[in-house]
C-alpha atoms as a PDB file:
ATOM      1  CA  MET A   1     -35.190   7.676   8.533  1.00  0.00           C
ATOM      2  CA  PRO A   2     -32.638   8.834  10.670  1.00  0.00           C
ATOM      3  CA  LYS A   3     -30.301  11.901   9.418  1.00  0.00           C
ATOM      4  CA  LYS A   4     -27.001  11.031   8.776  1.00  0.00           C
ATOM      5  CA  VAL A   5     -24.420  13.293  10.626  1.00  0.00           C
ATOM      6  CA  PRO A   6     -20.798  13.282  10.072  1.00  0.00           C
ATOM      7  CA  ASN A   7     -18.015  12.102  13.050  1.00  0.00           C
ATOM      8  CA  GLU A   8     -15.622  14.563  12.334  1.00  0.00           C
ATOM      9  CA  ASN A   9     -13.435  12.793  15.204  1.00  0.00           C
ATOM     10  CA  VAL A  10     -13.177   9.449  12.937  1.00  0.00           C
ATOM     11  CA  PRO A  11     -10.336  10.003  10.549  1.00  0.00           C
ATOM     12  CA  SER A  12     -11.804   9.292   6.993  1.00  0.00           C
ATOM     13  CA  VAL A  13      -9.037   6.515   6.403  1.00  0.00           C
ATOM     14  CA  ALA A  14     -10.730   4.510   9.342  1.00  0.00           C
ATOM     15  CA  VAL A  15     -13.695   4.844   7.625  1.00  0.00           C
ATOM     16  CA  GLU A  16     -12.701   3.240   4.733  1.00  0.00           C
ATOM     17  CA  THR A  17     -10.921   0.699   6.536  1.00  0.00           C
ATOM     18  CA  ILE A  18     -13.672  -0.398   8.507  1.00  0.00           C
ATOM     19  CA  ALA A  19     -15.761  -0.341   5.526  1.00  0.00           C
ATOM     20  CA  CYS A  20     -13.057  -3.056   3.546  1.00  0.00           C
ATOM     21  CA  ILE A  21     -13.057  -5.161   6.504  1.00  0.00           C
ATOM     22  CA  GLN A  22     -17.086  -5.499   6.860  1.00  0.00           C
ATOM     23  CA  SER A  23     -16.720  -6.524   3.066  1.00  0.00           C
ATOM     24  CA  ILE A  24     -14.172  -9.196   3.957  1.00  0.00           C
ATOM     25  CA  GLN A  25     -16.287 -10.591   7.106  1.00  0.00           C
ATOM     26  CA  VAL A  26     -19.363 -10.330   4.353  1.00  0.00           C
ATOM     27  CA  GLU A  27     -17.154 -13.017   2.298  1.00  0.00           C
ATOM     28  CA  LEU A  28     -16.328 -15.230   4.915  1.00  0.00           C
ATOM     29  CA  ASP A  29     -20.326 -15.308   6.458  1.00  0.00           C
ATOM     30  CA  LEU A  30     -21.123 -16.190   2.717  1.00  0.00           C
ATOM     31  CA  GLY A  31     -18.144 -19.296   2.876  1.00  0.00           C
ATOM     32  CA  LEU A  32     -16.164 -18.050   0.062  1.00  0.00           C
ATOM     33  CA  MET A  33     -12.671 -19.145   0.078  1.00  0.00           C
ATOM     34  CA  ASP A  34     -11.692 -17.598  -2.385  1.00  0.00           C
ATOM     35  CA  THR A  35     -11.641 -13.385  -2.150  1.00  0.00           C
ATOM     36  CA  GLU A  36      -9.923  -9.866  -4.491  1.00  0.00           C
ATOM     37  CA  VAL A  37     -10.635  -6.707  -2.359  1.00  0.00           C
ATOM     38  CA  LYS A  38     -10.324  -3.664  -4.411  1.00  0.00           C
ATOM     39  CA  GLY A  39     -10.493  -0.102  -2.178  1.00  0.00           C
ATOM     40  CA  ASP A  40     -10.585   3.358  -3.642  1.00  0.00           C
ATOM     41  CA  ALA A  41      -8.555   3.870  -0.743  1.00  0.00           C
ATOM     42  CA  LEU A  42      -4.754   3.641  -1.841  1.00  0.00           C
ATOM     43  CA  THR A  43      -3.693   4.080   2.109  1.00  0.00           C
ATOM     44  CA  VAL A  44      -6.049   1.027   2.973  1.00  0.00           C
ATOM     45  CA  ILE A  45      -4.677  -1.028   0.520  1.00  0.00           C
ATOM     46  CA  LYS A  46      -0.739  -0.307   1.198  1.00  0.00           C
ATOM     47  CA  LYS A  47      -1.173  -0.639   4.407  1.00  0.00           C
ATOM     48  CA  LEU A  48      -3.180  -4.279   4.322  1.00  0.00           C
ATOM     49  CA  LEU A  49      -0.576  -5.548   1.594  1.00  0.00           C
ATOM     50  CA  HIS A  50       2.820  -4.512   3.945  1.00  0.00           C
ATOM     51  CA  GLU A  51       4.166  -7.629   6.038  1.00  0.00           C
ATOM     52  CA  ARG A  52       5.357  -5.086   8.293  1.00  0.00           C
ATOM     53  CA  GLU A  53       3.618  -3.827  11.571  1.00  0.00           C
ATOM     54  CA  ASP A  54       1.966  -0.711  10.482  1.00  0.00           C
ATOM     55  CA  LYS A  55       2.272   1.988  12.970  1.00  0.00           C
ATOM     56  CA  SER A  56      -0.273   4.111  11.625  1.00  0.00           C
ATOM     57  CA  GLU A  57      -3.473   5.292  13.763  1.00  0.00           C
ATOM     58  CA  ILE A  58      -5.712   2.945  12.321  1.00  0.00           C
ATOM     59  CA  VAL A  59      -3.171  -0.163  13.709  1.00  0.00           C
ATOM     60  CA  ALA A  60      -5.355  -2.299  15.241  1.00  0.00           C
ATOM     61  CA  LEU A  61      -8.126  -2.046  12.103  1.00  0.00           C
ATOM     62  CA  ILE A  62      -5.087  -3.373   9.724  1.00  0.00           C
ATOM     63  CA  ARG A  63      -3.894  -5.584  11.852  1.00  0.00           C
ATOM     64  CA  ASP A  64      -7.957  -7.180  11.582  1.00  0.00           C
ATOM     65  CA  GLY A  65      -7.945  -6.894   7.966  1.00  0.00           C
ATOM     66  CA  LYS A  66      -4.940  -9.007   7.607  1.00  0.00           C
ATOM     67  CA  CYS A  67      -6.343 -11.556  10.129  1.00  0.00           C
ATOM     68  CA  LEU A  68      -9.293 -12.202   8.045  1.00  0.00           C
ATOM     69  CA  GLY A  69      -7.534 -12.192   4.756  1.00  0.00           C
ATOM     70  CA  LYS A  70      -5.353 -15.100   6.351  1.00  0.00           C
ATOM     71  CA  GLN A  71      -9.076 -17.380   6.825  1.00  0.00           C
ATOM     72  CA  PHE A  72      -9.254 -17.240   3.031  1.00  0.00           C
ATOM     73  CA  CYS A  73      -7.484 -19.566   0.759  1.00  0.00           C
ATOM     74  CA  THR A  74      -6.680 -16.619  -1.472  1.00  0.00           C
ATOM     75  CA  CYS A  75      -7.116 -13.185  -0.599  1.00  0.00           C
ATOM     76  CA  ILE A  76      -5.935 -10.573  -3.025  1.00  0.00           C
ATOM     77  CA  PHE A  77      -5.788  -6.710  -2.165  1.00  0.00           C
ATOM     78  CA  LYS A  78      -5.516  -4.337  -4.863  1.00  0.00           C
END
């Protein structure tokens, strides 16, 4: 089994955002039409909820998460 080595160059908020996006993608792949996304990273959830363009280092990830969320009939970020 390969040893996991943390990448100190990737901000933890980016890791949390990627995990969130992956969970949304899995739900879309399963054909679910409604979802409720809960996250431990309050920063990520707040950025996904805001209507205005994010200007942080994870702007592309937030944009991806918002686009994926729009593909559901109902998508709630908590």
